[in-house]
Amino acid sequence: MAGFIDFHTHAFPDHIAPAAIASLEKDGNIKAYLDGTVSNLLASMDRSGVDQSVLCSIATRPAHFTPILEWSKTIRSERIIPFPSLHPADPQLLEHLQDIHDAGFKGVKMHSYYQDFFLDDEKLSPLYMKMSDLGMILVIHAGYDIAFPKIRRADPLRIFTVCRRFPDLKLIATHLGGWDEWEDVRRLLTGKPIYMELSFALDFLDQTRLRDMLLSHPPEYLLFGTDSPWTDQATTLKMLGKLGLPDTLFEQITGSNARRLLAA
């Protein structure tokens, strides 16, 4: 496949999706565009021209590791690329990372608010080192979260610190490096070899400022993402297109950068 790749989506098992979406809508005071199922995500992809979506799960307790991993095995396909999740309090953290790798998955998703950790905690160093050694991708929620108090858990400074300490770690900072912390993103992350994914930046940043940030960043380190079902894939693609980016950069953001990462 050589079309658009959405590097940041979510879905749930069919029997969990209704309750999960309702709870998340209430906590974040936000309305979902989809019903939270994989079939609905695939329908959205068909409407928007997205060929592949990285589906990020979040283990809110260590006990969620196995059911998420097993579900991820059942839903993966040419179009759906699951990233299972690790919980930092898991006593078998490194063993479970190896399990994810051995099962053929390219990466994992972690969320410092839902999992109650700080990105640069020294206790996570063995995890980051092992992920670096295995060549695995770590997708993190970056910046604040609309459903939580504004505590700096995965802010641009912590992201910069982790990337400096672990230069071989394939860390992807969602929400253009830090949702609602874009002044620090511009100061600390823009221009450096740090992967940033664009979801919720297109919706919140003015277009001139956003375009400047994208043009100032290494083009091979930018990725398209929507955080679906919380934004609409087709609308987000249109918003990106309206920035008037060079065609080569647009193609890198929406496809080739992700293909290179996923093929490694």
C-alpha atoms as a PDB file:
ATOM      1  CA  MET A   1       0.000   0.000   0.000  1.00  0.00           C
ATOM      2  CA  ALA A   2       1.239   3.496  -0.799  1.00  0.00           C
ATOM      3  CA  GLY A   3      -1.541   5.798   0.391  1.00  0.00           C
ATOM      4  CA  PHE A   4      -2.269   7.732   3.567  1.00  0.00           C
ATOM      5  CA  ILE A   5      -1.274   6.292   6.949  1.00  0.00           C
ATOM      6  CA  ASP A   6      -2.903   7.491  10.172  1.00  0.00           C
ATOM      7  CA  PHE A   7      -0.356   6.858  12.929  1.00  0.00           C
ATOM      8  CA  HIS A   8      -2.677   7.526  15.864  1.00  0.00           C
ATOM      9  CA  THR A   9      -6.109   5.915  16.180  1.00  0.00           C
ATOM     10  CA  HIS A  10      -8.063   4.085  18.874  1.00  0.00           C
ATOM     11  CA  ALA A  11     -10.715   1.383  18.973  1.00  0.00           C
ATOM     12  CA  PHE A  12     -11.982  -1.196  21.434  1.00  0.00           C
ATOM     13  CA  PRO A  13     -13.419  -4.719  21.355  1.00  0.00           C
ATOM     14  CA  ASP A  14     -17.026  -4.574  20.197  1.00  0.00           C
ATOM     15  CA  HIS A  15     -18.470  -5.543  23.578  1.00  0.00           C
ATOM     16  CA  ILE A  16     -16.470  -2.815  25.375  1.00  0.00           C
ATOM     17  CA  ALA A  17     -16.695   0.016  22.841  1.00  0.00           C
ATOM     18  CA  PRO A  18     -20.082   1.549  23.843  1.00  0.00           C
ATOM     19  CA  ALA A  19     -19.186   1.911  27.525  1.00  0.00           C
ATOM     20  CA  ALA A  20     -15.603   2.993  26.795  1.00  0.00           C
ATOM     21  CA  ILE A  21     -16.662   5.732  24.390  1.00  0.00           C
ATOM     22  CA  ALA A  22     -19.394   6.999  26.730  1.00  0.00           C
ATOM     23  CA  SER A  23     -16.973   7.183  29.654  1.00  0.00           C
ATOM     24  CA  LEU A  24     -14.249   8.929  27.666  1.00  0.00           C
ATOM     25  CA  GLU A  25     -16.727  11.419  26.207  1.00  0.00           C
ATOM     26  CA  LYS A  26     -17.860  12.337  29.709  1.00  0.00           C
ATOM     27  CA  ASP A  27     -14.346  12.587  31.186  1.00  0.00           C
ATOM     28  CA  GLY A  28     -12.992  14.738  28.361  1.00  0.00           C
ATOM     29  CA  ASN A  29     -16.181  16.674  27.603  1.00  0.00           C
ATOM     30  CA  ILE A  30     -15.728  15.697  23.967  1.00  0.00           C
ATOM     31  CA  LYS A  31     -17.892  13.939  21.395  1.00  0.00           C
ATOM     32  CA  ALA A  32     -16.551  10.980  19.432  1.00  0.00           C
ATOM     33  CA  TYR A  33     -16.926  10.883  15.644  1.00  0.00           C
ATOM     34  CA  LEU A  34     -17.020   7.063  15.577  1.00  0.00           C
ATOM     35  CA  ASP A  35     -18.483   4.349  17.802  1.00  0.00           C
ATOM     36  CA  GLY A  36     -15.102   2.973  18.876  1.00  0.00           C
ATOM     37  CA  THR A  37     -15.205  -0.305  16.952  1.00  0.00           C
ATOM     38  CA  VAL A  38     -12.653  -1.522  14.428  1.00  0.00           C
ATOM     39  CA  SER A  39     -15.345  -1.908  11.770  1.00  0.00           C
ATOM     40  CA  ASN A  40     -16.352   1.723  12.170  1.00  0.00           C
ATOM     41  CA  LEU A  41     -12.700   2.802  11.952  1.00  0.00           C
ATOM     42  CA  LEU A  42     -12.323   0.844   8.708  1.00  0.00           C
ATOM     43  CA  ALA A  43     -15.430   2.551   7.318  1.00  0.00           C
ATOM     44  CA  SER A  44     -13.923   5.937   8.210  1.00  0.00           C
ATOM     45  CA  MET A  45     -10.698   4.942   6.475  1.00  0.00           C
ATOM     46  CA  ASP A  46     -12.646   4.011   3.359  1.00  0.00           C
ATOM     47  CA  ARG A  47     -14.414   7.380   3.347  1.00  0.00           C
ATOM     48  CA  SER A  48     -11.230   9.375   3.858  1.00  0.00           C
ATOM     49  CA  GLY A  49      -8.778   7.479   1.673  1.00  0.00           C
ATOM     50  CA  VAL A  50      -6.645   6.265   4.577  1.00  0.00           C
ATOM     51  CA  ASP A  51      -5.030   2.966   3.643  1.00  0.00           C
ATOM     52  CA  GLN A  52      -3.611   2.012   7.025  1.00  0.00           C
ATOM     53  CA  SER A  53      -4.174   3.017  10.642  1.00  0.00           C
ATOM     54  CA  VAL A  54      -1.947   2.410  13.646  1.00  0.00           C
ATOM     55  CA  LEU A  55      -4.363   1.407  16.406  1.00  0.00           C
ATOM     56  CA  CYS A  56      -3.068   2.420  19.833  1.00  0.00           C
ATOM     57  CA  SER A  57      -4.324   0.678  22.964  1.00  0.00           C
ATOM     58  CA  ILE A  58      -3.800   1.856  26.540  1.00  0.00           C
ATOM     59  CA  ALA A  59      -3.430  -0.563  29.461  1.00  0.00           C
ATOM     60  CA  THR A  60      -4.802   1.363  32.417  1.00  0.00           C
ATOM     61  CA  ARG A  61      -3.790  -1.503  34.745  1.00  0.00           C
ATOM     62  CA  PRO A  62      -0.995  -4.081  34.482  1.00  0.00           C
ATOM     63  CA  ALA A  63      -3.632  -6.828  34.255  1.00  0.00           C
ATOM     64  CA  HIS A  64      -4.800  -5.385  30.932  1.00  0.00           C
ATOM     65  CA  PHE A  65      -1.592  -6.454  29.177  1.00  0.00           C
ATOM     66  CA  THR A  66      -2.687  -9.947  28.145  1.00  0.00           C
ATOM     67  CA  PRO A  67      -6.226  -9.171  26.941  1.00  0.00           C
ATOM     68  CA  ILE A  68      -4.954  -6.203  24.912  1.00  0.00           C
ATOM     69  CA  LEU A  69      -2.175  -8.289  23.377  1.00  0.00           C
ATOM     70  CA  GLU A  70      -4.539 -11.138  22.489  1.00  0.00           C
ATOM     71  CA  TRP A  71      -7.127  -8.765  21.008  1.00  0.00           C
ATOM     72  CA  SER A  72      -4.416  -7.020  19.024  1.00  0.00           C
ATOM     73  CA  LYS A  73      -3.503 -10.349  17.461  1.00  0.00           C
ATOM     74  CA  THR A  74      -7.083 -10.887  16.290  1.00  0.00           C
ATOM     75  CA  ILE A  75      -7.555  -7.489  14.630  1.00  0.00           C
ATOM     76  CA  ARG A  76      -4.260  -6.927  12.833  1.00  0.00           C
ATOM     77  CA  SER A  77      -4.373  -6.894   9.071  1.00  0.00           C
ATOM     78  CA  GLU A  78      -2.844  -5.082   6.123  1.00  0.00           C
ATOM     79  CA  ARG A  79      -4.942  -2.057   7.069  1.00  0.00           C
ATOM     80  CA  ILE A  80      -5.029  -2.182  10.885  1.00  0.00           C
ATOM     81  CA  ILE A  81      -1.630  -2.085  12.603  1.00  0.00           C
ATOM     82  CA  PRO A  82      -2.137  -2.566  16.351  1.00  0.00           C
ATOM     83  CA  PHE A  83       0.266  -1.196  18.931  1.00  0.00           C
ATOM     84  CA  PRO A  84      -0.433  -3.014  22.225  1.00  0.00           C
ATOM     85  CA  SER A  85       0.263  -1.328  25.547  1.00  0.00           C
ATOM     86  CA  LEU A  86       2.539  -1.738  28.537  1.00  0.00           C
ATOM     87  CA  HIS A  87       1.788  -0.427  32.015  1.00  0.00           C
ATOM     88  CA  PRO A  88       4.842   1.033  33.825  1.00  0.00           C
ATOM     89  CA  ALA A  89       3.824  -0.655  37.096  1.00  0.00           C
ATOM     90  CA  ASP A  90       3.817  -4.093  35.479  1.00  0.00           C
ATOM     91  CA  PRO A  91       6.241  -6.333  37.452  1.00  0.00           C
ATOM     92  CA  GLN A  92       6.939  -8.205  34.192  1.00  0.00           C
ATOM     93  CA  LEU A  93       7.438  -5.067  32.122  1.00  0.00           C
ATOM     94  CA  LEU A  94      10.522  -6.154  30.178  1.00  0.00           C
ATOM     95  CA  GLU A  95       9.262  -9.704  29.659  1.00  0.00           C
ATOM     96  CA  HIS A  96       5.982  -8.369  28.313  1.00  0.00           C
ATOM     97  CA  LEU A  97       7.815  -6.025  25.966  1.00  0.00           C
ATOM     98  CA  GLN A  98       9.637  -9.068  24.618  1.00  0.00           C
ATOM     99  CA  ASP A  99       6.286 -10.839  24.206  1.00  0.00           C
ATOM    100  CA  ILE A 100       4.987  -7.945  22.109  1.00  0.00           C
ATOM    101  CA  HIS A 101       8.114  -7.991  19.973  1.00  0.00           C
ATOM    102  CA  ASP A 102       8.041 -11.769  19.543  1.00  0.00           C
ATOM    103  CA  ALA A 103       4.390 -11.574  18.466  1.00  0.00           C
ATOM    104  CA  GLY A 104       5.481  -9.396  15.546  1.00  0.00           C
ATOM    105  CA  PHE A 105       4.194  -6.000  16.663  1.00  0.00           C
ATOM    106  CA  LYS A 106       6.219  -2.924  15.724  1.00  0.00           C
ATOM    107  CA  GLY A 107       5.521  -0.781  18.766  1.00  0.00           C
ATOM    108  CA  VAL A 108       3.577   0.046  21.909  1.00  0.00           C
ATOM    109  CA  LYS A 109       1.473   2.919  23.222  1.00  0.00           C
ATOM    110  CA  MET A 110       1.827   4.492  26.666  1.00  0.00           C
ATOM    111  CA  HIS A 111      -0.137   7.359  28.214  1.00  0.00           C
ATOM    112  CA  SER A 112       1.326   9.108  31.243  1.00  0.00           C
ATOM    113  CA  TYR A 113      -2.015  10.372  32.552  1.00  0.00           C
ATOM    114  CA  TYR A 114      -4.074   7.204  32.259  1.00  0.00           C
ATOM    115  CA  GLN A 115      -1.097   5.167  33.520  1.00  0.00           C
ATOM    116  CA  ASP A 116       0.064   7.631  36.213  1.00  0.00           C
ATOM    117  CA  PHE A 117       3.753   8.063  35.425  1.00  0.00           C
ATOM    118  CA  PHE A 118       6.291  10.689  34.401  1.00  0.00           C
ATOM    119  CA  LEU A 119       7.985  10.113  31.078  1.00  0.00           C
ATOM    120  CA  ASP A 120      11.539  10.735  32.314  1.00  0.00           C
ATOM    121  CA  ASP A 121      11.268   8.579  35.451  1.00  0.00           C
ATOM    122  CA  GLU A 122      14.580   6.745  35.921  1.00  0.00           C
ATOM    123  CA  LYS A 123      12.622   3.566  36.650  1.00  0.00           C
ATOM    124  CA  LEU A 124      11.672   3.443  32.963  1.00  0.00           C
ATOM    125  CA  SER A 125      15.267   3.510  31.742  1.00  0.00           C
ATOM    126  CA  PRO A 126      15.519  -0.299  31.369  1.00  0.00           C
ATOM    127  CA  LEU A 127      12.342  -0.244  29.262  1.00  0.00           C
ATOM    128  CA  TYR A 128      13.632   2.509  27.001  1.00  0.00           C
ATOM    129  CA  MET A 129      16.965   0.748  26.626  1.00  0.00           C
ATOM    130  CA  LYS A 130      15.340  -2.548  25.704  1.00  0.00           C
ATOM    131  CA  MET A 131      12.992  -0.846  23.241  1.00  0.00           C
ATOM    132  CA  SER A 132      16.022   0.819  21.660  1.00  0.00           C
ATOM    133  CA  ASP A 133      17.813  -2.514  21.402  1.00  0.00           C
ATOM    134  CA  LEU A 134      14.779  -4.195  19.834  1.00  0.00           C
ATOM    135  CA  GLY A 135      14.164  -1.309  17.440  1.00  0.00           C
ATOM    136  CA  MET A 136      10.585  -0.910  18.658  1.00  0.00           C
ATOM    137  CA  ILE A 137       8.458   2.228  18.375  1.00  0.00           C
ATOM    138  CA  LEU A 138       7.071   3.979  21.456  1.00  0.00           C
ATOM    139  CA  VAL A 139       4.028   6.175  20.874  1.00  0.00           C
ATOM    140  CA  ILE A 140       3.340   8.456  23.837  1.00  0.00           C
ATOM    141  CA  HIS A 141       0.661  10.963  24.660  1.00  0.00           C
ATOM    142  CA  ALA A 142       2.565  14.276  24.638  1.00  0.00           C
ATOM    143  CA  GLY A 143       1.581  17.428  26.487  1.00  0.00           C
ATOM    144  CA  TYR A 144      -1.496  18.002  28.589  1.00  0.00           C
ATOM    145  CA  ASP A 145      -4.697  15.962  28.330  1.00  0.00           C
ATOM    146  CA  ILE A 146      -8.165  17.486  28.218  1.00  0.00           C
ATOM    147  CA  ALA A 147      -9.495  14.975  30.765  1.00  0.00           C
ATOM    148  CA  PHE A 148      -6.866  15.606  33.463  1.00  0.00           C
ATOM    149  CA  PRO A 149      -5.427  18.456  35.573  1.00  0.00           C
ATOM    150  CA  LYS A 150      -2.469  20.244  34.001  1.00  0.00           C
ATOM    151  CA  ILE A 151       0.445  18.329  35.480  1.00  0.00           C
ATOM    152  CA  ARG A 152       3.600  18.106  33.367  1.00  0.00           C
ATOM    153  CA  ARG A 153       3.918  14.364  32.896  1.00  0.00           C
ATOM    154  CA  ALA A 154       5.094  14.106  29.271  1.00  0.00           C
ATOM    155  CA  ASP A 155       5.868  17.722  28.453  1.00  0.00           C
ATOM    156  CA  PRO A 156       8.403  18.858  25.813  1.00  0.00           C
ATOM    157  CA  LEU A 157      11.232  19.109  28.356  1.00  0.00           C
ATOM    158  CA  ARG A 158      10.707  15.535  29.547  1.00  0.00           C
ATOM    159  CA  ILE A 159      10.471  14.378  25.916  1.00  0.00           C
ATOM    160  CA  PHE A 160      13.702  16.177  25.087  1.00  0.00           C
ATOM    161  CA  THR A 161      15.393  14.634  28.135  1.00  0.00           C
ATOM    162  CA  VAL A 162      14.363  11.086  27.234  1.00  0.00           C
ATOM    163  CA  CYS A 163      15.363  11.484  23.583  1.00  0.00           C
ATOM    164  CA  ARG A 164      18.755  12.866  24.620  1.00  0.00           C
ATOM    165  CA  ARG A 165      19.362   9.994  27.043  1.00  0.00           C
ATOM    166  CA  PHE A 166      18.165   7.348  24.584  1.00  0.00           C
ATOM    167  CA  PRO A 167      19.067   8.600  21.106  1.00  0.00           C
ATOM    168  CA  ASP A 168      18.203   5.257  19.463  1.00  0.00           C
ATOM    169  CA  LEU A 169      14.693   5.144  20.942  1.00  0.00           C
ATOM    170  CA  LYS A 170      12.028   5.556  18.264  1.00  0.00           C
ATOM    171  CA  LEU A 171       9.800   7.800  20.363  1.00  0.00           C
ATOM    172  CA  ILE A 172       6.793   9.419  18.722  1.00  0.00           C
ATOM    173  CA  ALA A 173       5.415  12.454  20.533  1.00  0.00           C
ATOM    174  CA  THR A 174       1.756  12.820  19.626  1.00  0.00           C
ATOM    175  CA  HIS A 175      -0.124  16.114  19.311  1.00  0.00           C
ATOM    176  CA  LEU A 176       2.812  17.883  17.635  1.00  0.00           C
ATOM    177  CA  GLY A 177       5.135  17.226  20.545  1.00  0.00           C
ATOM    178  CA  GLY A 178       2.903  18.419  23.373  1.00  0.00           C
ATOM    179  CA  TRP A 179      -0.780  19.317  23.372  1.00  0.00           C
ATOM    180  CA  ASP A 180      -1.335  22.880  24.599  1.00  0.00           C
ATOM    181  CA  GLU A 181       2.400  23.233  25.315  1.00  0.00           C
ATOM    182  CA  TRP A 182       3.400  24.349  21.836  1.00  0.00           C
ATOM    183  CA  GLU A 183       5.529  27.293  22.957  1.00  0.00           C
ATOM    184  CA  ASP A 184       7.818  24.782  24.659  1.00  0.00           C
ATOM    185  CA  VAL A 185       7.589  22.486  21.642  1.00  0.00           C
ATOM    186  CA  ARG A 186       8.817  25.316  19.419  1.00  0.00           C
ATOM    187  CA  ARG A 187      11.639  26.128  21.841  1.00  0.00           C
ATOM    188  CA  LEU A 188      12.788  22.614  22.769  1.00  0.00           C
ATOM    189  CA  LEU A 189      11.733  20.133  20.078  1.00  0.00           C
ATOM    190  CA  THR A 190      11.219  21.856  16.737  1.00  0.00           C
ATOM    191  CA  GLY A 191      14.205  21.348  14.470  1.00  0.00           C
ATOM    192  CA  LYS A 192      15.515  18.310  16.362  1.00  0.00           C
ATOM    193  CA  PRO A 193      15.401  14.668  15.198  1.00  0.00           C
ATOM    194  CA  ILE A 194      12.327  13.824  17.278  1.00  0.00           C
ATOM    195  CA  TYR A 195       9.231  12.230  15.744  1.00  0.00           C
ATOM    196  CA  MET A 196       6.078  14.297  16.117  1.00  0.00           C
ATOM    197  CA  GLU A 197       2.565  13.288  15.089  1.00  0.00           C
ATOM    198  CA  LEU A 198       0.009  15.987  14.249  1.00  0.00           C
ATOM    199  CA  SER A 199      -3.323  15.060  15.853  1.00  0.00           C
ATOM    200  CA  PHE A 200      -5.188  17.876  17.636  1.00  0.00           C
ATOM    201  CA  ALA A 201      -2.565  20.417  16.536  1.00  0.00           C
ATOM    202  CA  LEU A 202      -4.434  21.151  13.309  1.00  0.00           C
ATOM    203  CA  ASP A 203      -7.550  21.861  15.353  1.00  0.00           C
ATOM    204  CA  PHE A 204      -5.994  24.140  17.977  1.00  0.00           C
ATOM    205  CA  LEU A 205      -3.082  26.034  16.415  1.00  0.00           C
ATOM    206  CA  ASP A 206      -3.520  28.933  14.014  1.00  0.00           C
ATOM    207  CA  GLN A 207      -2.510  27.945  10.513  1.00  0.00           C
ATOM    208  CA  THR A 208       0.422  30.351  10.107  1.00  0.00           C
ATOM    209  CA  ARG A 209       2.058  29.205  13.332  1.00  0.00           C
ATOM    210  CA  LEU A 210       1.414  25.547  12.571  1.00  0.00           C
ATOM    211  CA  ARG A 211       2.831  25.796   9.062  1.00  0.00           C
ATOM    212  CA  ASP A 212       5.944  27.490  10.398  1.00  0.00           C
ATOM    213  CA  MET A 213       6.492  24.729  12.949  1.00  0.00           C
ATOM    214  CA  LEU A 214       6.124  22.015  10.327  1.00  0.00           C
ATOM    215  CA  LEU A 215       8.465  23.720   7.874  1.00  0.00           C
ATOM    216  CA  SER A 216      11.020  24.227  10.663  1.00  0.00           C
ATOM    217  CA  HIS A 217      11.127  20.548  11.647  1.00  0.00           C
ATOM    218  CA  PRO A 218      13.167  17.811   9.919  1.00  0.00           C
ATOM    219  CA  PRO A 219      10.676  16.596   7.289  1.00  0.00           C
ATOM    220  CA  GLU A 220      11.434  12.908   7.878  1.00  0.00           C
ATOM    221  CA  TYR A 221      10.320  13.247  11.526  1.00  0.00           C
ATOM    222  CA  LEU A 222       6.687  14.295  10.947  1.00  0.00           C
ATOM    223  CA  LEU A 223       3.711  11.915  10.907  1.00  0.00           C
ATOM    224  CA  PHE A 224       0.029  12.286  10.119  1.00  0.00           C
ATOM    225  CA  GLY A 225      -2.376  11.231  12.868  1.00  0.00           C
ATOM    226  CA  THR A 226      -5.932  11.979  13.916  1.00  0.00           C
ATOM    227  CA  ASP A 227      -6.525  10.413  17.359  1.00  0.00           C
ATOM    228  CA  SER A 228      -9.670   8.931  15.784  1.00  0.00           C
ATOM    229  CA  PRO A 229     -12.413   8.539  16.980  1.00  0.00           C
ATOM    230  CA  TRP A 230     -11.865  11.951  18.605  1.00  0.00           C
ATOM    231  CA  THR A 231     -11.387  13.748  15.294  1.00  0.00           C
ATOM    232  CA  ASP A 232     -12.590  12.891  11.798  1.00  0.00           C
ATOM    233  CA  GLN A 233      -9.968  11.414   9.490  1.00  0.00           C
ATOM    234  CA  ALA A 234     -11.283  13.009   6.300  1.00  0.00           C
ATOM    235  CA  THR A 235     -11.608  16.449   7.898  1.00  0.00           C
ATOM    236  CA  THR A 236      -8.119  16.260   9.406  1.00  0.00           C
ATOM    237  CA  LEU A 237      -6.602  15.380   6.024  1.00  0.00           C
ATOM    238  CA  LYS A 238      -8.388  18.341   4.440  1.00  0.00           C
ATOM    239  CA  MET A 239      -7.086  20.666   7.152  1.00  0.00           C
ATOM    240  CA  LEU A 240      -3.544  19.471   6.546  1.00  0.00           C
ATOM    241  CA  GLY A 241      -3.981  19.982   2.822  1.00  0.00           C
ATOM    242  CA  LYS A 242      -5.105  23.579   3.326  1.00  0.00           C
ATOM    243  CA  LEU A 243      -1.748  24.502   4.879  1.00  0.00           C
ATOM    244  CA  GLY A 244      -0.232  24.640   1.404  1.00  0.00           C
ATOM    245  CA  LEU A 245       2.808  22.557   2.310  1.00  0.00           C
ATOM    246  CA  PRO A 246       5.206  21.484  -0.439  1.00  0.00           C
ATOM    247  CA  ASP A 247       3.935  18.324  -2.146  1.00  0.00           C
ATOM    248  CA  THR A 248       6.984  16.342  -1.087  1.00  0.00           C
ATOM    249  CA  LEU A 249       6.510  17.257   2.575  1.00  0.00           C
ATOM    250  CA  PHE A 250       2.787  16.494   2.452  1.00  0.00           C
ATOM    251  CA  GLU A 251       3.572  13.029   1.079  1.00  0.00           C
ATOM    252  CA  GLN A 252       6.219  12.437   3.719  1.00  0.00           C
ATOM    253  CA  ILE A 253       3.849  13.404   6.524  1.00  0.00           C
ATOM    254  CA  THR A 254       0.899  11.394   5.258  1.00  0.00           C
ATOM    255  CA  GLY A 255       2.675   8.283   4.058  1.00  0.00           C
ATOM    256  CA  SER A 256       6.348   7.702   3.380  1.00  0.00           C
ATOM    257  CA  ASN A 257       7.687   8.533   6.854  1.00  0.00           C
ATOM    258  CA  ALA A 258       5.270   6.086   8.448  1.00  0.00           C
ATOM    259  CA  ARG A 259       6.023   3.381   5.889  1.00  0.00           C
ATOM    260  CA  ARG A 260       9.738   3.705   6.589  1.00  0.00           C
ATOM    261  CA  LEU A 261       9.201   3.450  10.354  1.00  0.00           C
ATOM    262  CA  LEU A 262       6.858   0.484  10.096  1.00  0.00           C
ATOM    263  CA  ALA A 263       9.132  -1.366   7.672  1.00  0.00           C
ATOM    264  CA  ALA A 264      12.233  -1.096   9.865  1.00  0.00           C
END
